[in-house]
Amino acid sequence: MKITLNGELLDLTSHALLEILKEYEASAPYAVAVNGVFIPKSQHNGFVINEGDSIELLSPIQGG
């Protein structure tokens, strides 16, 4: 299955968002948007990714 993760085209076997995040080695804290829609952490476990979906993994940035 081909998806885009943070602008990078990936070919993955899993359709489970949580598994994809683990495979990508996402480290907390982060927020996730799929096709421009924020997905709450409480929904990561059951959320299904489809062919062609675009995932954005966003980490907070500190500044000053």
C-alpha atoms as a PDB file:
ATOM      1  CA  MET A   1       0.000   0.000   0.000  1.00  0.00           C
ATOM      2  CA  LYS A   2       1.392   3.383  -0.973  1.00  0.00           C
ATOM      3  CA  ILE A   3       0.892   6.342   1.365  1.00  0.00           C
ATOM      4  CA  THR A   4       2.596   9.661   2.008  1.00  0.00           C
ATOM      5  CA  LEU A   5       4.063  10.285   5.459  1.00  0.00           C
ATOM      6  CA  ASN A   6       5.394  13.795   6.086  1.00  0.00           C
ATOM      7  CA  GLY A   7       5.801  14.275   2.339  1.00  0.00           C
ATOM      8  CA  GLU A   8       7.700  11.002   1.847  1.00  0.00           C
ATOM      9  CA  LEU A   9       6.143   8.304  -0.362  1.00  0.00           C
ATOM     10  CA  LEU A  10       6.174   4.962   1.467  1.00  0.00           C
ATOM     11  CA  ASP A  11       5.110   1.457   0.490  1.00  0.00           C
ATOM     12  CA  LEU A  12       3.767  -0.284   3.607  1.00  0.00           C
ATOM     13  CA  THR A  13       1.958  -3.515   4.393  1.00  0.00           C
ATOM     14  CA  SER A  14       0.003  -2.397   7.476  1.00  0.00           C
ATOM     15  CA  HIS A  15      -3.275  -0.479   7.293  1.00  0.00           C
ATOM     16  CA  ALA A  16      -3.340   0.281  11.045  1.00  0.00           C
ATOM     17  CA  LEU A  17      -2.337   3.836  11.932  1.00  0.00           C
ATOM     18  CA  LEU A  18      -0.767   2.794  15.237  1.00  0.00           C
ATOM     19  CA  GLU A  19       1.368   0.136  13.515  1.00  0.00           C
ATOM     20  CA  ILE A  20       2.498   2.645  10.880  1.00  0.00           C
ATOM     21  CA  LEU A  21       3.500   5.124  13.603  1.00  0.00           C
ATOM     22  CA  LYS A  22       5.479   2.384  15.382  1.00  0.00           C
ATOM     23  CA  GLU A  23       7.168   1.367  12.117  1.00  0.00           C
ATOM     24  CA  TYR A  24       8.063   5.021  11.480  1.00  0.00           C
ATOM     25  CA  GLU A  25       9.460   5.136  15.055  1.00  0.00           C
ATOM     26  CA  ALA A  26       7.357   8.133  16.053  1.00  0.00           C
ATOM     27  CA  SER A  27       8.291   9.373  19.509  1.00  0.00           C
ATOM     28  CA  ALA A  28       5.892  11.269  21.747  1.00  0.00           C
ATOM     29  CA  PRO A  29       4.764  13.946  21.980  1.00  0.00           C
ATOM     30  CA  TYR A  30       3.230  14.255  18.540  1.00  0.00           C
ATOM     31  CA  ALA A  31      -0.063  14.959  16.778  1.00  0.00           C
ATOM     32  CA  VAL A  32      -1.323  13.115  13.711  1.00  0.00           C
ATOM     33  CA  ALA A  33      -3.393  14.342  10.781  1.00  0.00           C
ATOM     34  CA  VAL A  34      -4.659  12.043   8.024  1.00  0.00           C
ATOM     35  CA  ASN A  35      -5.675  13.783   4.807  1.00  0.00           C
ATOM     36  CA  GLY A  36      -5.685  17.077   6.702  1.00  0.00           C
ATOM     37  CA  VAL A  37      -7.935  15.863   9.544  1.00  0.00           C
ATOM     38  CA  PHE A  38      -6.578  15.673  13.094  1.00  0.00           C
ATOM     39  CA  ILE A  39      -6.872  12.155  14.575  1.00  0.00           C
ATOM     40  CA  PRO A  40      -7.078  12.166  18.394  1.00  0.00           C
ATOM     41  CA  LYS A  41      -4.658   9.839  20.175  1.00  0.00           C
ATOM     42  CA  SER A  42      -7.636   7.917  21.558  1.00  0.00           C
ATOM     43  CA  GLN A  43      -8.492   6.858  17.966  1.00  0.00           C
ATOM     44  CA  HIS A  44      -4.979   5.886  16.786  1.00  0.00           C
ATOM     45  CA  ASN A  45      -5.400   2.224  17.747  1.00  0.00           C
ATOM     46  CA  GLY A  46      -8.494   1.557  15.615  1.00  0.00           C
ATOM     47  CA  PHE A  47      -7.862   4.019  12.786  1.00  0.00           C
ATOM     48  CA  VAL A  48      -7.440   2.427   9.335  1.00  0.00           C
ATOM     49  CA  ILE A  49      -5.225   3.957   6.652  1.00  0.00           C
ATOM     50  CA  ASN A  50      -6.133   3.491   2.998  1.00  0.00           C
ATOM     51  CA  GLU A  51      -4.113   3.436  -0.212  1.00  0.00           C
ATOM     52  CA  GLY A  52      -3.105   6.974  -1.186  1.00  0.00           C
ATOM     53  CA  ASP A  53      -3.737   8.538   2.231  1.00  0.00           C
ATOM     54  CA  SER A  54      -1.473  11.325   3.426  1.00  0.00           C
ATOM     55  CA  ILE A  55      -0.285  11.280   7.048  1.00  0.00           C
ATOM     56  CA  GLU A  56       1.320  14.269   8.735  1.00  0.00           C
ATOM     57  CA  LEU A  57       3.186  13.630  11.974  1.00  0.00           C
ATOM     58  CA  LEU A  58       3.643  16.893  13.854  1.00  0.00           C
ATOM     59  CA  SER A  59       5.888  17.462  16.861  1.00  0.00           C
ATOM     60  CA  PRO A  60       5.743  20.554  19.071  1.00  0.00           C
ATOM     61  CA  ILE A  61       8.489  23.111  18.564  1.00  0.00           C
ATOM     62  CA  GLN A  62       9.793  25.292  21.371  1.00  0.00           C
ATOM     63  CA  GLY A  63      10.970  28.744  20.651  1.00  0.00           C
ATOM     64  CA  GLY A  64      11.566  32.009  22.250  1.00  0.00           C
END
